[in-house]
Amino acid sequence: MPDPHLLDNPIWNSLIIEHASLALGDDLARRYPPDIGPLSGFPDPSDDAYSSLRSLAGPSGIIVLFLQSPPQPRPGWSLVRGGVLTQMLCPDPGRIDPAPNPVSAELRPLTAADVPAMVALAELTEPGPFRTRTHELGLFFGVFESGRLVSMAGQRTRVPGFVEVSAVCTHPDARGRGYARMLMSAVMADIFAHGSQPYLHAFDDNHPAIRVYQSLGFAERRTFHLAVLKNEQ
């Protein structure tokens, strides 16, 4: 059976197991390559771990951590953004929407050819870190209107038995049409089809999004403290 305790340190465990081939770093700290994103992790927040992170971040570099307690940046680091994240898990596929293709729009898997449009949509809507190689972490789906990508969702970190749903975003011009829900259902269906359970992270004060996730069968599991840190050295 999958071990849900792996989700108590999801970035680190993803980087040492399922995404180990992508990881940069050592046994003290690891991160994804910069062109995938700034997500980073460590087994414990020791001084040595932060020293290892500094070399991974580089001068003026940014790293993103999910912490057990509120961030207390070490000397030479500045906190760019914080906040409390709620981790949610969906153990049962029974409440997934059928996700039919929307009227007058196209829903399809995204490919490397779609990366410029994916990056542009992420920069506009800010669903979280998204770079030119983020799409390599898993399957992404998008909705197109008149050939323009207006909504997307995909997969990010993963540990045995669990895959994260991420980068859920919709262009302001296309909101209110149910695209995010349809795309999430498509991503979730793929995760379940491969024998895993979907999980996600949302800011704990983003109540509208959390209600949507709950309606799709997600339940709150635990919280993390987000730390977006900049290396000032």
Protein backbone atom coordinates (compact mmCIF):
# COMPACT_ATOMS: atom_id res chain seq x y z
CA MET A 1 0.00 0.00 0.00
CA PRO A 2 1.20 3.57 -0.69
CA ASP A 3 2.72 5.29 2.32
CA PRO A 4 0.94 8.64 2.85
CA HIS A 5 3.72 9.75 5.21
CA LEU A 6 5.80 10.41 2.09
CA LEU A 7 3.50 13.39 1.60
CA ASP A 8 4.76 14.93 4.85
CA ASN A 9 7.84 16.07 2.91
CA PRO A 10 6.59 15.88 -0.68
CA ILE A 11 9.23 17.89 -2.52
CA TRP A 12 12.19 16.18 -0.87
CA ASN A 13 10.71 12.71 -1.26
CA SER A 14 9.86 13.39 -4.90
CA LEU A 15 13.45 14.50 -5.52
CA ILE A 16 14.99 11.42 -3.90
CA ILE A 17 12.58 8.86 -5.39
CA GLU A 18 10.42 9.42 -8.49
CA HIS A 19 12.26 12.51 -9.75
CA ALA A 20 15.74 11.58 -8.53
CA SER A 21 17.03 11.62 -12.10
CA LEU A 22 16.09 15.31 -12.36
CA ALA A 23 17.39 16.39 -8.96
CA LEU A 24 20.32 18.68 -8.33
CA GLY A 25 22.08 18.53 -4.96
CA ASP A 26 23.11 16.01 -2.34
CA ASP A 27 21.87 14.19 0.76
CA LEU A 28 21.52 17.50 2.63
CA ALA A 29 19.35 19.36 0.12
CA ARG A 30 18.07 19.01 -3.42
CA ARG A 31 16.18 21.09 -5.96
CA TYR A 32 14.69 20.81 -9.42
CA PRO A 33 16.74 22.32 -12.27
CA PRO A 34 16.05 26.07 -12.63
CA ASP A 35 14.33 25.62 -16.00
CA ILE A 36 11.88 23.21 -14.32
CA GLY A 37 11.35 25.38 -11.25
CA PRO A 38 12.61 26.52 -7.83
CA LEU A 39 10.98 23.76 -5.74
CA SER A 40 13.54 22.50 -3.23
CA GLY A 41 13.66 20.30 -0.17
CA PHE A 42 15.71 18.78 2.60
CA PRO A 43 15.24 16.02 5.19
CA ASP A 44 15.67 18.53 8.04
CA PRO A 45 16.25 22.31 8.22
CA SER A 46 19.81 22.22 9.51
CA ASP A 47 22.46 24.87 8.95
CA ASP A 48 24.29 22.44 6.70
CA ALA A 49 21.11 21.92 4.65
CA TYR A 50 20.72 25.67 4.13
CA SER A 51 24.39 25.90 3.17
CA SER A 52 23.81 23.22 0.53
CA LEU A 53 20.71 25.07 -0.66
CA ARG A 54 22.75 28.24 -1.06
CA SER A 55 25.04 26.60 -3.57
CA LEU A 56 22.01 25.22 -5.41
CA ALA A 57 20.28 28.61 -5.51
CA GLY A 58 23.33 30.53 -6.71
CA PRO A 59 23.87 34.27 -6.25
CA SER A 60 20.52 36.09 -5.88
CA GLY A 61 18.77 32.81 -6.66
CA ILE A 62 15.28 31.85 -5.51
CA ILE A 63 14.28 28.56 -3.91
CA VAL A 64 10.86 27.37 -2.69
CA LEU A 65 10.38 25.20 0.40
CA PHE A 66 7.41 23.57 2.15
CA LEU A 67 8.23 23.76 5.86
CA GLN A 68 6.75 22.17 8.98
CA SER A 69 6.90 25.47 10.91
CA PRO A 70 6.91 29.18 10.02
CA PRO A 71 10.05 30.17 8.08
CA GLN A 72 12.93 31.68 10.03
CA PRO A 73 15.45 32.56 7.30
CA ARG A 74 19.10 32.02 8.11
CA PRO A 75 21.54 34.93 7.68
CA GLY A 76 22.05 35.68 4.02
CA TRP A 77 18.52 34.68 3.04
CA SER A 78 15.49 36.93 2.65
CA LEU A 79 11.86 35.81 2.70
CA VAL A 80 10.21 36.83 -0.58
CA ARG A 81 6.86 35.21 0.17
CA GLY A 82 5.30 33.11 2.88
CA GLY A 83 1.88 31.74 3.68
CA VAL A 84 0.12 28.64 4.90
CA LEU A 85 -0.57 25.87 2.39
CA THR A 86 -3.24 23.23 2.77
CA GLN A 87 -2.38 19.81 1.37
CA MET A 88 -5.40 17.94 0.03
CA LEU A 89 -5.68 14.29 -1.01
CA CYS A 90 -8.28 12.51 -3.15
CA PRO A 91 -8.27 8.77 -2.36
CA ASP A 92 -11.38 7.85 -4.37
CA PRO A 93 -12.05 8.41 -8.10
CA GLY A 94 -15.79 8.19 -7.60
CA ARG A 95 -16.43 11.95 -7.70
CA ILE A 96 -14.41 12.86 -10.80
CA ASP A 97 -16.42 14.74 -13.39
CA PRO A 98 -16.73 13.14 -16.84
CA ALA A 99 -14.91 16.23 -18.18
CA PRO A 100 -16.53 16.40 -21.63
CA ASN A 101 -14.99 18.66 -24.22
CA PRO A 102 -16.35 22.18 -23.68
CA VAL A 103 -18.63 23.63 -26.29
CA SER A 104 -16.81 25.79 -28.87
CA ALA A 105 -13.44 24.92 -27.34
CA GLU A 106 -10.86 22.14 -27.57
CA LEU A 107 -9.57 20.09 -24.61
CA ARG A 108 -6.43 18.09 -25.33
CA PRO A 109 -3.09 16.96 -23.86
CA LEU A 110 -0.35 19.57 -24.09
CA THR A 111 3.00 18.95 -25.76
CA ALA A 112 6.40 20.61 -25.95
CA ALA A 113 5.08 22.72 -28.83
CA ASP A 114 2.64 24.34 -26.39
CA VAL A 115 5.33 25.43 -23.90
CA PRO A 116 5.46 29.12 -24.95
CA ALA A 117 1.68 29.42 -24.50
CA MET A 118 1.84 27.51 -21.19
CA VAL A 119 4.55 29.80 -19.80
CA ALA A 120 2.67 32.90 -20.95
CA LEU A 121 -0.56 31.72 -19.28
CA ALA A 122 1.30 30.88 -16.06
CA GLU A 123 3.02 34.27 -16.01
CA LEU A 124 -0.36 35.97 -16.39
CA THR A 125 -2.27 33.95 -13.80
CA GLU A 126 0.51 32.95 -11.34
CA PRO A 127 -0.65 29.44 -10.35
CA GLY A 128 2.82 28.75 -8.93
CA PRO A 129 6.32 28.33 -10.35
CA PHE A 130 6.21 27.34 -14.01
CA ARG A 131 9.22 27.29 -16.33
CA THR A 132 10.12 26.08 -19.81
CA ARG A 133 10.66 22.46 -18.66
CA THR A 134 7.97 22.18 -15.98
CA HIS A 135 5.81 20.22 -18.41
CA GLU A 136 8.36 17.38 -18.22
CA LEU A 137 7.15 16.51 -14.70
CA GLY A 138 3.96 14.86 -15.93
CA LEU A 139 0.94 15.00 -18.20
CA PHE A 140 -0.71 18.40 -18.81
CA PHE A 141 -4.08 19.16 -20.38
CA GLY A 142 -5.25 22.45 -21.85
CA VAL A 143 -8.37 24.09 -23.19
CA PHE A 144 -8.11 26.16 -26.36
CA GLU A 145 -10.52 28.79 -27.64
CA SER A 146 -10.01 29.78 -31.28
CA GLY A 147 -6.54 28.26 -31.11
CA ARG A 148 -5.51 30.14 -27.94
CA LEU A 149 -4.62 28.31 -24.73
CA VAL A 150 -6.98 29.68 -22.07
CA SER A 151 -6.79 27.09 -19.28
CA MET A 152 -4.48 24.29 -18.17
CA ALA A 153 -3.71 21.83 -15.40
CA GLY A 154 -1.08 19.15 -14.98
CA GLN A 155 1.14 17.04 -12.75
CA ARG A 156 4.14 18.11 -10.67
CA THR A 157 5.79 16.33 -7.70
CA ARG A 158 5.23 12.62 -7.19
CA VAL A 159 6.06 9.86 -4.73
CA PRO A 160 5.14 6.17 -4.95
CA GLY A 161 1.35 5.97 -5.03
CA PHE A 162 0.70 9.73 -5.17
CA VAL A 163 0.91 12.42 -7.89
CA GLU A 164 0.43 16.16 -7.40
CA VAL A 165 -2.11 18.12 -9.44
CA SER A 166 -0.65 21.54 -10.19
CA ALA A 167 -0.53 24.58 -12.49
CA VAL A 168 -4.33 24.86 -12.47
CA CYS A 169 -5.05 28.22 -14.09
CA THR A 170 -7.45 29.98 -16.46
CA HIS A 171 -7.10 33.18 -18.45
CA PRO A 172 -9.24 35.99 -16.94
CA ASP A 173 -11.19 36.21 -20.21
CA ALA A 174 -12.27 32.56 -19.93
CA ARG A 175 -13.15 32.18 -16.26
CA GLY A 176 -16.54 30.99 -15.08
CA ARG A 177 -16.88 28.32 -17.78
CA GLY A 178 -15.83 25.32 -15.70
CA TYR A 179 -12.57 24.77 -17.54
CA ALA A 180 -10.41 24.28 -14.44
CA ARG A 181 -12.76 21.64 -13.08
CA MET A 182 -12.81 19.76 -16.39
CA LEU A 183 -9.02 19.88 -16.69
CA MET A 184 -8.49 18.76 -13.11
CA SER A 185 -10.83 15.83 -13.75
CA ALA A 186 -8.78 14.83 -16.80
CA VAL A 187 -5.52 15.03 -14.83
CA MET A 188 -7.01 13.10 -11.90
CA ALA A 189 -8.38 10.39 -14.18
CA ASP A 190 -4.89 9.85 -15.64
CA ILE A 191 -3.39 9.62 -12.14
CA PHE A 192 -5.95 7.06 -10.99
CA ALA A 193 -5.54 5.10 -14.24
CA HIS A 194 -1.87 4.63 -13.36
CA GLY A 195 -2.67 3.33 -9.88
CA SER A 196 -1.91 6.48 -7.88
CA GLN A 197 -3.91 9.03 -5.90
CA PRO A 198 -3.94 12.77 -6.68
CA TYR A 199 -2.96 15.38 -4.15
CA LEU A 200 -2.53 19.15 -4.35
CA HIS A 201 -1.60 22.25 -2.40
CA ALA A 202 -3.59 25.46 -2.04
CA PHE A 203 -3.25 28.56 0.09
CA ASP A 204 -5.43 27.97 3.12
CA ASP A 205 -7.27 31.27 2.61
CA ASN A 206 -8.19 30.48 -1.01
CA HIS A 207 -11.64 29.30 0.01
CA PRO A 208 -13.27 29.32 -3.48
CA ALA A 209 -10.56 27.02 -4.86
CA ILE A 210 -10.69 24.73 -1.82
CA ARG A 211 -14.46 24.37 -2.22
CA VAL A 212 -13.96 23.29 -5.85
CA TYR A 213 -11.32 20.78 -4.79
CA GLN A 214 -13.59 19.41 -2.07
CA SER A 215 -16.40 18.96 -4.62
CA LEU A 216 -14.00 16.81 -6.67
CA GLY A 217 -13.34 14.55 -3.69
CA PHE A 218 -10.25 16.15 -2.16
CA ALA A 219 -10.02 16.31 1.63
CA GLU A 220 -7.64 18.36 3.72
CA ARG A 221 -4.73 16.28 5.00
CA ARG A 222 -2.27 18.69 6.62
CA THR A 223 -0.69 22.14 6.31
CA PHE A 224 2.73 23.49 5.38
CA HIS A 225 4.41 26.86 5.68
CA LEU A 226 5.51 28.17 2.30
CA ALA A 227 8.94 29.82 2.16
CA VAL A 228 10.06 31.54 -1.03
CA LEU A 229 13.64 32.46 -0.18
CA LYS A 230 16.21 34.58 -1.98
CA ASN A 231 19.92 33.99 -1.58
CA GLU A 232 21.35 37.42 -0.76
CA GLN A 233 24.94 36.26 -0.95
